[in-house]
mmCIF file of all heavy atoms, coordinates in Angstrom:
data_MODEL
# 
_entry.id   MODEL 
# 
loop_
_atom_site.group_PDB 
_atom_site.id 
_atom_site.type_symbol 
_atom_site.label_atom_id 
_atom_site.label_alt_id 
_atom_site.label_comp_id 
_atom_site.label_asym_id 
_atom_site.label_entity_id 
_atom_site.label_seq_id 
_atom_site.pdbx_PDB_ins_code 
_atom_site.Cartn_x 
_atom_site.Cartn_y 
_atom_site.Cartn_z 
_atom_site.occupancy 
_atom_site.B_iso_or_equiv 
_atom_site.pdbx_formal_charge 
_atom_site.auth_seq_id 
_atom_site.auth_comp_id 
_atom_site.auth_asym_id 
_atom_site.auth_atom_id 
_atom_site.pdbx_PDB_model_num 
ATOM 1   N N   . VAL A 1 1  ? -62.386 -24.652 83.332 1.00 0.00 ? 1  VAL A N   1 
ATOM 2   C CA  . VAL A 1 1  ? -63.472 -25.549 82.901 1.00 0.00 ? 1  VAL A CA  1 
ATOM 3   C C   . VAL A 1 1  ? -62.964 -26.475 81.797 1.00 0.00 ? 1  VAL A C   1 
ATOM 4   O O   . VAL A 1 1  ? -63.244 -27.672 81.797 1.00 0.00 ? 1  VAL A O   1 
ATOM 5   C CB  . VAL A 1 1  ? -64.704 -24.745 82.440 1.00 0.00 ? 1  VAL A CB  1 
ATOM 6   C CG1 . VAL A 1 1  ? -65.723 -25.639 81.750 1.00 0.00 ? 1  VAL A CG1 1 
ATOM 7   C CG2 . VAL A 1 1  ? -65.339 -24.029 83.629 1.00 0.00 ? 1  VAL A CG2 1 
ATOM 8   N N   . GLY A 1 2  ? -62.181 -25.923 80.865 1.00 0.00 ? 2  GLY A N   1 
ATOM 9   C CA  . GLY A 1 2  ? -61.623 -26.730 79.779 1.00 0.00 ? 2  GLY A CA  1 
ATOM 10  C C   . GLY A 1 2  ? -60.737 -27.844 80.289 1.00 0.00 ? 2  GLY A C   1 
ATOM 11  O O   . GLY A 1 2  ? -60.793 -28.975 79.787 1.00 0.00 ? 2  GLY A O   1 
ATOM 12  N N   . ILE A 1 3  ? -59.916 -27.567 81.284 1.00 0.00 ? 3  ILE A N   1 
ATOM 13  C CA  . ILE A 1 3  ? -59.055 -28.598 81.869 1.00 0.00 ? 3  ILE A CA  1 
ATOM 14  C C   . ILE A 1 3  ? -59.912 -29.720 82.441 1.00 0.00 ? 3  ILE A C   1 
ATOM 15  O O   . ILE A 1 3  ? -59.670 -30.898 82.177 1.00 0.00 ? 3  ILE A O   1 
ATOM 16  C CB  . ILE A 1 3  ? -58.141 -28.006 82.973 1.00 0.00 ? 3  ILE A CB  1 
ATOM 17  C CG1 . ILE A 1 3  ? -57.083 -27.096 82.353 1.00 0.00 ? 3  ILE A CG1 1 
ATOM 18  C CG2 . ILE A 1 3  ? -57.483 -29.114 83.792 1.00 0.00 ? 3  ILE A CG2 1 
ATOM 19  C CD1 . ILE A 1 3  ? -56.290 -26.282 83.372 1.00 0.00 ? 3  ILE A CD1 1 
ATOM 20  N N   . VAL A 1 4  ? -60.910 -29.354 83.223 1.00 0.00 ? 4  VAL A N   1 
ATOM 21  C CA  . VAL A 1 4  ? -61.766 -30.363 83.865 1.00 0.00 ? 4  VAL A CA  1 
ATOM 22  C C   . VAL A 1 4  ? -62.484 -31.201 82.812 1.00 0.00 ? 4  VAL A C   1 
ATOM 23  O O   . VAL A 1 4  ? -62.524 -32.427 82.897 1.00 0.00 ? 4  VAL A O   1 
ATOM 24  C CB  . VAL A 1 4  ? -62.770 -29.698 84.833 1.00 0.00 ? 4  VAL A CB  1 
ATOM 25  C CG1 . VAL A 1 4  ? -63.783 -30.699 85.348 1.00 0.00 ? 4  VAL A CG1 1 
ATOM 26  C CG2 . VAL A 1 4  ? -62.028 -29.036 85.994 1.00 0.00 ? 4  VAL A CG2 1 
ATOM 27  N N   . GLN A 1 5  ? -63.018 -30.540 81.789 1.00 0.00 ? 5  GLN A N   1 
ATOM 28  C CA  . GLN A 1 5  ? -63.778 -31.272 80.778 1.00 0.00 ? 5  GLN A CA  1 
ATOM 29  C C   . GLN A 1 5  ? -62.882 -32.143 79.903 1.00 0.00 ? 5  GLN A C   1 
ATOM 30  O O   . GLN A 1 5  ? -63.244 -33.264 79.564 1.00 0.00 ? 5  GLN A O   1 
ATOM 31  C CB  . GLN A 1 5  ? -64.588 -30.299 79.921 1.00 0.00 ? 5  GLN A CB  1 
ATOM 32  C CG  . GLN A 1 5  ? -65.713 -29.676 80.716 1.00 0.00 ? 5  GLN A CG  1 
ATOM 33  C CD  . GLN A 1 5  ? -66.584 -28.712 79.917 1.00 0.00 ? 5  GLN A CD  1 
ATOM 34  O OE1 . GLN A 1 5  ? -66.213 -28.261 78.844 1.00 0.00 ? 5  GLN A OE1 1 
ATOM 35  N NE2 . GLN A 1 5  ? -67.741 -28.399 80.454 1.00 0.00 ? 5  GLN A NE2 1 
ATOM 36  N N   . THR A 1 6  ? -61.719 -31.648 79.549 1.00 0.00 ? 6  THR A N   1 
ATOM 37  C CA  . THR A 1 6  ? -60.820 -32.393 78.672 1.00 0.00 ? 6  THR A CA  1 
ATOM 38  C C   . THR A 1 6  ? -60.134 -33.549 79.393 1.00 0.00 ? 6  THR A C   1 
ATOM 39  O O   . THR A 1 6  ? -60.121 -34.675 78.899 1.00 0.00 ? 6  THR A O   1 
ATOM 40  C CB  . THR A 1 6  ? -59.736 -31.450 78.095 1.00 0.00 ? 6  THR A CB  1 
ATOM 41  O OG1 . THR A 1 6  ? -60.385 -30.398 77.393 1.00 0.00 ? 6  THR A OG1 1 
ATOM 42  C CG2 . THR A 1 6  ? -58.800 -32.185 77.157 1.00 0.00 ? 6  THR A CG2 1 
ATOM 43  N N   . VAL A 1 7  ? -59.584 -33.277 80.546 1.00 0.00 ? 7  VAL A N   1 
ATOM 44  C CA  . VAL A 1 7  ? -58.798 -34.280 81.259 1.00 0.00 ? 7  VAL A CA  1 
ATOM 45  C C   . VAL A 1 7  ? -59.681 -35.322 81.941 1.00 0.00 ? 7  VAL A C   1 
ATOM 46  O O   . VAL A 1 7  ? -59.392 -36.515 81.898 1.00 0.00 ? 7  VAL A O   1 
ATOM 47  C CB  . VAL A 1 7  ? -57.867 -33.600 82.293 1.00 0.00 ? 7  VAL A CB  1 
ATOM 48  C CG1 . VAL A 1 7  ? -57.138 -34.634 83.130 1.00 0.00 ? 7  VAL A CG1 1 
ATOM 49  C CG2 . VAL A 1 7  ? -56.877 -32.681 81.592 1.00 0.00 ? 7  VAL A CG2 1 
ATOM 50  N N   . PHE A 1 8  ? -60.769 -34.869 82.549 1.00 0.00 ? 8  PHE A N   1 
ATOM 51  C CA  . PHE A 1 8  ? -61.586 -35.776 83.363 1.00 0.00 ? 8  PHE A CA  1 
ATOM 52  C C   . PHE A 1 8  ? -62.904 -36.168 82.704 1.00 0.00 ? 8  PHE A C   1 
ATOM 53  O O   . PHE A 1 8  ? -63.642 -36.985 83.245 1.00 0.00 ? 8  PHE A O   1 
ATOM 54  C CB  . PHE A 1 8  ? -61.864 -35.152 84.736 1.00 0.00 ? 8  PHE A CB  1 
ATOM 55  C CG  . PHE A 1 8  ? -60.604 -34.880 85.512 1.00 0.00 ? 8  PHE A CG  1 
ATOM 56  C CD1 . PHE A 1 8  ? -60.077 -33.599 85.569 1.00 0.00 ? 8  PHE A CD1 1 
ATOM 57  C CD2 . PHE A 1 8  ? -59.926 -35.900 86.146 1.00 0.00 ? 8  PHE A CD2 1 
ATOM 58  C CE1 . PHE A 1 8  ? -58.911 -33.338 86.265 1.00 0.00 ? 8  PHE A CE1 1 
ATOM 59  C CE2 . PHE A 1 8  ? -58.764 -35.653 86.851 1.00 0.00 ? 8  PHE A CE2 1 
ATOM 60  C CZ  . PHE A 1 8  ? -58.247 -34.369 86.901 1.00 0.00 ? 8  PHE A CZ  1 
ATOM 61  N N   . ARG A 1 9  ? -63.215 -35.549 81.563 1.00 0.00 ? 9  ARG A N   1 
ATOM 62  C CA  . ARG A 1 9  ? -64.478 -35.837 80.862 1.00 0.00 ? 9  ARG A CA  1 
ATOM 63  C C   . ARG A 1 9  ? -65.688 -35.567 81.761 1.00 0.00 ? 9  ARG A C   1 
ATOM 64  O O   . ARG A 1 9  ? -66.661 -36.317 81.782 1.00 0.00 ? 9  ARG A O   1 
ATOM 65  C CB  . ARG A 1 9  ? -64.538 -37.287 80.370 1.00 0.00 ? 9  ARG A CB  1 
ATOM 66  C CG  . ARG A 1 9  ? -63.364 -37.706 79.526 1.00 0.00 ? 9  ARG A CG  1 
ATOM 67  C CD  . ARG A 1 9  ? -63.570 -37.280 78.088 1.00 0.00 ? 9  ARG A CD  1 
ATOM 68  N NE  . ARG A 1 9  ? -62.541 -37.836 77.230 1.00 0.00 ? 9  ARG A NE  1 
ATOM 69  C CZ  . ARG A 1 9  ? -61.648 -37.081 76.593 1.00 0.00 ? 9  ARG A CZ  1 
ATOM 70  N NH1 . ARG A 1 9  ? -61.681 -35.793 76.701 1.00 0.00 ? 9  ARG A NH1 1 
ATOM 71  N NH2 . ARG A 1 9  ? -60.732 -37.639 75.827 1.00 0.00 ? 9  ARG A NH2 1 
ATOM 72  N N   . VAL A 1 10 ? -65.588 -34.472 82.516 1.00 0.00 ? 10 VAL A N   1 
ATOM 73  C CA  . VAL A 1 10 ? -66.657 -34.063 83.424 1.00 0.00 ? 10 VAL A CA  1 
ATOM 74  C C   . VAL A 1 10 ? -67.153 -32.699 82.976 1.00 0.00 ? 10 VAL A C   1 
ATOM 75  O O   . VAL A 1 10 ? -66.363 -31.776 82.803 1.00 0.00 ? 10 VAL A O   1 
ATOM 76  C CB  . VAL A 1 10 ? -66.140 -33.994 84.884 1.00 0.00 ? 10 VAL A CB  1 
ATOM 77  C CG1 . VAL A 1 10 ? -67.167 -33.378 85.800 1.00 0.00 ? 10 VAL A CG1 1 
ATOM 78  C CG2 . VAL A 1 10 ? -65.746 -35.378 85.370 1.00 0.00 ? 10 VAL A CG2 1 
ATOM 79  N N   . LYS A 1 11 ? -68.453 -32.576 82.792 1.00 0.00 ? 11 LYS A N   1 
ATOM 80  C CA  . LYS A 1 11 ? -69.041 -31.314 82.350 1.00 0.00 ? 11 LYS A CA  1 
ATOM 81  C C   . LYS A 1 11 ? -69.293 -30.405 83.546 1.00 0.00 ? 11 LYS A C   1 
ATOM 82  O O   . LYS A 1 11 ? -69.910 -30.795 84.526 1.00 0.00 ? 11 LYS A O   1 
ATOM 83  C CB  . LYS A 1 11 ? -70.348 -31.572 81.603 1.00 0.00 ? 11 LYS A CB  1 
ATOM 84  C CG  . LYS A 1 11 ? -70.989 -30.316 81.065 1.00 0.00 ? 11 LYS A CG  1 
ATOM 85  C CD  . LYS A 1 11 ? -72.093 -30.659 80.098 1.00 0.00 ? 11 LYS A CD  1 
ATOM 86  C CE  . LYS A 1 11 ? -72.869 -29.461 79.599 1.00 0.00 ? 11 LYS A CE  1 
ATOM 87  N NZ  . LYS A 1 11 ? -72.122 -28.277 79.281 1.00 0.00 ? 11 LYS A NZ  1 
ATOM 88  N N   . LEU A 1 12 ? -68.784 -29.192 83.435 1.00 0.00 ? 12 LEU A N   1 
ATOM 89  C CA  . LEU A 1 12 ? -69.009 -28.158 84.446 1.00 0.00 ? 12 LEU A CA  1 
ATOM 90  C C   . LEU A 1 12 ? -69.844 -27.059 83.806 1.00 0.00 ? 12 LEU A C   1 
ATOM 91  O O   . LEU A 1 12 ? -69.513 -26.591 82.721 1.00 0.00 ? 12 LEU A O   1 
ATOM 92  C CB  . LEU A 1 12 ? -67.678 -27.529 84.855 1.00 0.00 ? 12 LEU A CB  1 
ATOM 93  C CG  . LEU A 1 12 ? -66.925 -28.087 86.031 1.00 0.00 ? 12 LEU A CG  1 
ATOM 94  C CD1 . LEU A 1 12 ? -65.577 -27.424 86.139 1.00 0.00 ? 12 LEU A CD1 1 
ATOM 95  C CD2 . LEU A 1 12 ? -67.686 -27.915 87.306 1.00 0.00 ? 12 LEU A CD2 1 
ATOM 96  N N   . ASP A 1 13 ? -70.916 -26.641 84.457 1.00 0.00 ? 13 ASP A N   1 
ATOM 97  C CA  . ASP A 1 13 ? -71.657 -25.507 83.943 1.00 0.00 ? 13 ASP A CA  1 
ATOM 98  C C   . ASP A 1 13 ? -71.810 -24.461 85.045 1.00 0.00 ? 13 ASP A C   1 
ATOM 99  O O   . ASP A 1 13 ? -71.333 -24.657 86.162 1.00 0.00 ? 13 ASP A O   1 
ATOM 100 C CB  . ASP A 1 13 ? -73.011 -25.929 83.352 1.00 0.00 ? 13 ASP A CB  1 
ATOM 101 C CG  . ASP A 1 13 ? -73.904 -26.635 84.347 1.00 0.00 ? 13 ASP A CG  1 
ATOM 102 O OD1 . ASP A 1 13 ? -73.831 -26.317 85.556 1.00 0.00 ? 13 ASP A OD1 1 
ATOM 103 O OD2 . ASP A 1 13 ? -74.687 -27.502 83.930 1.00 0.00 ? 13 ASP A OD2 1 
ATOM 104 N N   . LYS A 1 14 ? -72.459 -23.371 84.720 1.00 0.00 ? 14 LYS A N   1 
ATOM 105 C CA  . LYS A 1 14 ? -72.538 -22.253 85.655 1.00 0.00 ? 14 LYS A CA  1 
ATOM 106 C C   . LYS A 1 14 ? -73.132 -22.648 87.000 1.00 0.00 ? 14 LYS A C   1 
ATOM 107 O O   . LYS A 1 14 ? -72.635 -22.230 88.042 1.00 0.00 ? 14 LYS A O   1 
ATOM 108 C CB  . LYS A 1 14 ? -73.340 -21.117 85.029 1.00 0.00 ? 14 LYS A CB  1 
ATOM 109 C CG  . LYS A 1 14 ? -73.340 -19.871 85.850 1.00 0.00 ? 14 LYS A CG  1 
ATOM 110 C CD  . LYS A 1 14 ? -74.056 -18.737 85.175 1.00 0.00 ? 14 LYS A CD  1 
ATOM 111 C CE  . LYS A 1 14 ? -74.015 -17.535 86.091 1.00 0.00 ? 14 LYS A CE  1 
ATOM 112 N NZ  . LYS A 1 14 ? -74.533 -16.343 85.483 1.00 0.00 ? 14 LYS A NZ  1 
ATOM 113 N N   . SER A 1 15 ? -74.169 -23.460 86.985 1.00 0.00 ? 15 SER A N   1 
ATOM 114 C CA  . SER A 1 15 ? -74.790 -23.847 88.256 1.00 0.00 ? 15 SER A CA  1 
ATOM 115 C C   . SER A 1 15 ? -73.838 -24.671 89.119 1.00 0.00 ? 15 SER A C   1 
ATOM 116 O O   . SER A 1 15 ? -73.847 -24.555 90.350 1.00 0.00 ? 15 SER A O   1 
ATOM 117 C CB  . SER A 1 15 ? -76.090 -24.613 88.014 1.00 0.00 ? 15 SER A CB  1 
ATOM 118 O OG  . SER A 1 15 ? -75.835 -25.828 87.353 1.00 0.00 ? 15 SER A OG  1 
ATOM 119 N N   . ASN A 1 16 ? -72.989 -25.489 88.488 1.00 0.00 ? 16 ASN A N   1 
ATOM 120 C CA  . ASN A 1 16 ? -71.991 -26.258 89.241 1.00 0.00 ? 16 ASN A CA  1 
ATOM 121 C C   . ASN A 1 16 ? -70.927 -25.338 89.819 1.00 0.00 ? 16 ASN A C   1 
ATOM 122 O O   . ASN A 1 16 ? -70.500 -25.513 90.961 1.00 0.00 ? 16 ASN A O   1 
ATOM 123 C CB  . ASN A 1 16 ? -71.298 -27.286 88.355 1.00 0.00 ? 16 ASN A CB  1 
ATOM 124 C CG  . ASN A 1 16 ? -72.239 -28.269 87.695 1.00 0.00 ? 16 ASN A CG  1 
ATOM 125 O OD1 . ASN A 1 16 ? -72.169 -28.461 86.488 1.00 0.00 ? 16 ASN A OD1 1 
ATOM 126 N ND2 . ASN A 1 16 ? -73.127 -28.868 88.454 1.00 0.00 ? 16 ASN A ND2 1 
ATOM 127 N N   . LEU A 1 17 ? -70.503 -24.377 89.028 1.00 0.00 ? 17 LEU A N   1 
ATOM 128 C CA  . LEU A 1 17 ? -69.421 -23.490 89.454 1.00 0.00 ? 17 LEU A CA  1 
ATOM 129 C C   . LEU A 1 17 ? -69.806 -22.650 90.666 1.00 0.00 ? 17 LEU A C   1 
ATOM 130 O O   . LEU A 1 17 ? -68.945 -22.303 91.464 1.00 0.00 ? 17 LEU A O   1 
ATOM 131 C CB  . LEU A 1 17 ? -69.007 -22.576 88.298 1.00 0.00 ? 17 LEU A CB  1 
ATOM 132 C CG  . LEU A 1 17 ? -68.280 -23.279 87.166 1.00 0.00 ? 17 LEU A CG  1 
ATOM 133 C CD1 . LEU A 1 17 ? -68.116 -22.344 85.976 1.00 0.00 ? 17 LEU A CD1 1 
ATOM 134 C CD2 . LEU A 1 17 ? -66.923 -23.784 87.629 1.00 0.00 ? 17 LEU A CD2 1 
ATOM 135 N N   . GLU A 1 18 ? -71.080 -22.346 90.808 1.00 0.00 ? 18 GLU A N   1 
ATOM 136 C CA  . GLU A 1 18 ? -71.517 -21.535 91.939 1.00 0.00 ? 18 GLU A CA  1 
ATOM 137 C C   . GLU A 1 18 ? -71.292 -22.240 93.270 1.00 0.00 ? 18 GLU A C   1 
ATOM 138 O O   . GLU A 1 18 ? -71.091 -21.586 94.285 1.00 0.00 ? 18 GLU A O   1 
ATOM 139 C CB  . GLU A 1 18 ? -72.989 -21.155 91.771 1.00 0.00 ? 18 GLU A CB  1 
ATOM 140 C CG  . GLU A 1 18 ? -73.204 -20.191 90.629 1.00 0.00 ? 18 GLU A CG  1 
ATOM 141 C CD  . GLU A 1 18 ? -74.671 -19.950 90.297 1.00 0.00 ? 18 GLU A CD  1 
ATOM 142 O OE1 . GLU A 1 18 ? -75.550 -20.555 90.948 1.00 0.00 ? 18 GLU A OE1 1 
ATOM 143 O OE2 . GLU A 1 18 ? -74.914 -19.167 89.373 1.00 0.00 ? 18 GLU A OE2 1 
ATOM 144 N N   . SER A 1 19 ? -71.285 -23.564 93.272 1.00 0.00 ? 19 SER A N   1 
ATOM 145 C CA  . SER A 1 19 ? -71.099 -24.306 94.521 1.00 0.00 ? 19 SER A CA  1 
ATOM 146 C C   . SER A 1 19 ? -69.647 -24.738 94.750 1.00 0.00 ? 19 SER A C   1 
ATOM 147 O O   . SER A 1 19 ? -69.318 -25.271 95.804 1.00 0.00 ? 19 SER A O   1 
ATOM 148 C CB  . SER A 1 19 ? -72.007 -25.532 94.543 1.00 0.00 ? 19 SER A CB  1 
ATOM 149 O OG  . SER A 1 19 ? -71.631 -26.432 93.527 1.00 0.00 ? 19 SER A OG  1 
ATOM 150 N N   . ILE A 1 20 ? -68.796 -24.509 93.776 1.00 0.00 ? 20 ILE A N   1 
ATOM 151 C CA  . ILE A 1 20 ? -67.386 -24.905 93.895 1.00 0.00 ? 20 ILE A CA  1 
ATOM 152 C C   . ILE A 1 20 ? -66.567 -23.682 94.283 1.00 0.00 ? 20 ILE A C   1 
ATOM 153 O O   . ILE A 1 20 ? -66.385 -22.763 93.487 1.00 0.00 ? 20 ILE A O   1 
ATOM 154 C CB  . ILE A 1 20 ? -66.885 -25.520 92.574 1.00 0.00 ? 20 ILE A CB  1 
ATOM 155 C CG1 . ILE A 1 20 ? -67.655 -26.806 92.277 1.00 0.00 ? 20 ILE A CG1 1 
ATOM 156 C CG2 . ILE A 1 20 ? -65.380 -25.779 92.644 1.00 0.00 ? 20 ILE A CG2 1 
ATOM 157 C CD1 . ILE A 1 20 ? -67.359 -27.410 90.920 1.00 0.00 ? 20 ILE A CD1 1 
ATOM 158 N N   . ARG A 1 21 ? -66.092 -23.687 95.511 1.00 0.00 ? 21 ARG A N   1 
ATOM 159 C CA  . ARG A 1 21 ? -65.323 -22.546 96.022 1.00 0.00 ? 21 ARG A CA  1 
ATOM 160 C C   . ARG A 1 21 ? -63.861 -22.895 96.293 1.00 0.00 ? 21 ARG A C   1 
ATOM 161 O O   . ARG A 1 21 ? -62.991 -22.052 96.139 1.00 0.00 ? 21 ARG A O   1 
ATOM 162 C CB  . ARG A 1 21 ? -65.964 -22.018 97.309 1.00 0.00 ? 21 ARG A CB  1 
ATOM 163 C CG  . ARG A 1 21 ? -67.324 -21.430 97.071 1.00 0.00 ? 21 ARG A CG  1 
ATOM 164 C CD  . ARG A 1 21 ? -67.183 -20.079 96.398 1.00 0.00 ? 21 ARG A CD  1 
ATOM 165 N NE  . ARG A 1 21 ? -68.460 -19.661 95.843 1.00 0.00 ? 21 ARG A NE  1 
ATOM 166 C CZ  . ARG A 1 21 ? -68.606 -19.126 94.653 1.00 0.00 ? 21 ARG A CZ  1 
ATOM 167 N NH1 . ARG A 1 21 ? -67.577 -18.935 93.892 1.00 0.00 ? 21 ARG A NH1 1 
ATOM 168 N NH2 . ARG A 1 21 ? -69.777 -18.776 94.214 1.00 0.00 ? 21 ARG A NH2 1 
ATOM 169 N N   . THR A 1 22 ? -63.605 -24.116 96.763 1.00 0.00 ? 22 THR A N   1 
ATOM 170 C CA  . THR A 1 22 ? -62.237 -24.519 97.110 1.00 0.00 ? 22 THR A CA  1 
ATOM 171 C C   . THR A 1 22 ? -61.797 -25.655 96.188 1.00 0.00 ? 22 THR A C   1 
ATOM 172 O O   . THR A 1 22 ? -62.607 -26.249 95.476 1.00 0.00 ? 22 THR A O   1 
ATOM 173 C CB  . THR A 1 22 ? -62.155 -25.021 98.559 1.00 0.00 ? 22 THR A CB  1 
ATOM 174 O OG1 . THR A 1 22 ? -62.929 -26.216 98.676 1.00 0.00 ? 22 THR A OG1 1 
ATOM 175 C CG2 . THR A 1 22 ? -62.647 -23.970 99.554 1.00 0.00 ? 22 THR A CG2 1 
ATOM 176 N N   . PHE A 1 23 ? -60.522 -25.962 96.236 1.00 0.00 ? 23 PHE A N   1 
ATOM 177 C CA  . PHE A 1 23 ? -60.032 -27.086 95.445 1.00 0.00 ? 23 PHE A CA  1 
ATOM 178 C C   . PHE A 1 23 ? -60.659 -28.397 95.930 1.00 0.00 ? 23 PHE A C   1 
ATOM 179 O O   . PHE A 1 23 ? -60.940 -29.271 95.127 1.00 0.00 ? 23 PHE A O   1 
ATOM 180 C CB  . PHE A 1 23 ? -58.501 -27.152 95.464 1.00 0.00 ? 23 PHE A CB  1 
ATOM 181 C CG  . PHE A 1 23 ? -57.888 -26.087 94.603 1.00 0.00 ? 23 PHE A CG  1 
ATOM 182 C CD1 . PHE A 1 23 ? -57.440 -24.898 95.154 1.00 0.00 ? 23 PHE A CD1 1 
ATOM 183 C CD2 . PHE A 1 23 ? -57.791 -26.250 93.235 1.00 0.00 ? 23 PHE A CD2 1 
ATOM 184 C CE1 . PHE A 1 23 ? -56.896 -23.901 94.360 1.00 0.00 ? 23 PHE A CE1 1 
ATOM 185 C CE2 . PHE A 1 23 ? -57.253 -25.257 92.419 1.00 0.00 ? 23 PHE A CE2 1 
ATOM 186 C CZ  . PHE A 1 23 ? -56.802 -24.075 92.991 1.00 0.00 ? 23 PHE A CZ  1 
ATOM 187 N N   . ALA A 1 24 ? -60.910 -28.516 97.234 1.00 0.00 ? 24 ALA A N   1 
ATOM 188 C CA  . ALA A 1 24 ? -61.572 -29.724 97.750 1.00 0.00 ? 24 ALA A CA  1 
ATOM 189 C C   . ALA A 1 24 ? -62.955 -29.883 97.120 1.00 0.00 ? 24 ALA A C   1 
ATOM 190 O O   . ALA A 1 24 ? -63.345 -30.997 96.758 1.00 0.00 ? 24 ALA A O   1 
ATOM 191 C CB  . ALA A 1 24 ? -61.675 -29.667 99.271 1.00 0.00 ? 24 ALA A CB  1 
ATOM 192 N N   . ASP A 1 25 ? -63.674 -28.774 96.965 1.00 0.00 ? 25 ASP A N   1 
ATOM 193 C CA  . ASP A 1 25 ? -64.989 -28.823 96.309 1.00 0.00 ? 25 ASP A CA  1 
ATOM 194 C C   . ASP A 1 25 ? -64.849 -29.335 94.872 1.00 0.00 ? 25 ASP A C   1 
ATOM 195 O O   . ASP A 1 25 ? -65.661 -30.136 94.406 1.00 0.00 ? 25 ASP A O   1 
ATOM 196 C CB  . ASP A 1 25 ? -65.643 -27.439 96.251 1.00 0.00 ? 25 ASP A CB  1 
ATOM 197 C CG  . ASP A 1 25 ? -66.000 -26.872 97.611 1.00 0.00 ? 25 ASP A CG  1 
ATOM 198 O OD1 . ASP A 1 25 ? -66.153 -27.643 98.573 1.00 0.00 ? 25 ASP A OD1 1 
ATOM 199 O OD2 . ASP A 1 25 ? -66.133 -25.623 97.691 1.00 0.00 ? 25 ASP A OD2 1 
ATOM 200 N N   . LEU A 1 26 ? -63.820 -28.866 94.191 1.00 0.00 ? 26 LEU A N   1 
ATOM 201 C CA  . LEU A 1 26 ? -63.601 -29.278 92.799 1.00 0.00 ? 26 LEU A CA  1 
ATOM 202 C C   . LEU A 1 26 ? -63.210 -30.751 92.731 1.00 0.00 ? 26 LEU A C   1 
ATOM 203 O O   . LEU A 1 26 ? -63.713 -31.498 91.887 1.00 0.00 ? 26 LEU A O   1 
ATOM 204 C CB  . LEU A 1 26 ? -62.546 -28.402 92.134 1.00 0.00 ? 26 LEU A CB  1 
ATOM 205 C CG  . LEU A 1 26 ? -62.311 -28.630 90.641 1.00 0.00 ? 26 LEU A CG  1 
ATOM 206 C CD1 . LEU A 1 26 ? -63.610 -28.524 89.834 1.00 0.00 ? 26 LEU A CD1 1 
ATOM 207 C CD2 . LEU A 1 26 ? -61.284 -27.641 90.111 1.00 0.00 ? 26 LEU A CD2 1 
ATOM 208 N N   . TYR A 1 27 ? -62.336 -31.203 93.633 1.00 0.00 ? 27 TYR A N   1 
ATOM 209 C CA  . TYR A 1 27 ? -61.966 -32.625 93.664 1.00 0.00 ? 27 TYR A CA  1 
ATOM 210 C C   . TYR A 1 27 ? -63.208 -33.482 93.898 1.00 0.00 ? 27 TYR A C   1 
ATOM 211 O O   . TYR A 1 27 ? -63.399 -34.499 93.232 1.00 0.00 ? 27 TYR A O   1 
ATOM 212 C CB  . TYR A 1 27 ? -60.958 -32.933 94.784 1.00 0.00 ? 27 TYR A CB  1 
ATOM 213 C CG  . TYR A 1 27 ? -59.683 -32.141 94.782 1.00 0.00 ? 27 TYR A CG  1 
ATOM 214 C CD1 . TYR A 1 27 ? -59.070 -31.794 95.985 1.00 0.00 ? 27 TYR A CD1 1 
ATOM 215 C CD2 . TYR A 1 27 ? -59.059 -31.734 93.599 1.00 0.00 ? 27 TYR A CD2 1 
ATOM 216 C CE1 . TYR A 1 27 ? -57.882 -31.082 96.023 1.00 0.00 ? 27 TYR A CE1 1 
ATOM 217 C CE2 . TYR A 1 27 ? -57.874 -31.004 93.636 1.00 0.00 ? 27 TYR A CE2 1 
ATOM 218 C CZ  . TYR A 1 27 ? -57.297 -30.684 94.841 1.00 0.00 ? 27 TYR A CZ  1 
ATOM 219 O OH  . TYR A 1 27 ? -56.132 -29.974 94.877 1.00 0.00 ? 27 TYR A OH  1 
# 
């Protein structure tokens, strides 16, 4: 989560993480 927030300035929270299963989902 820290990498995503620091590098991309995108906030990830628990509700987002539940739907992200693969790297494609994260991209």
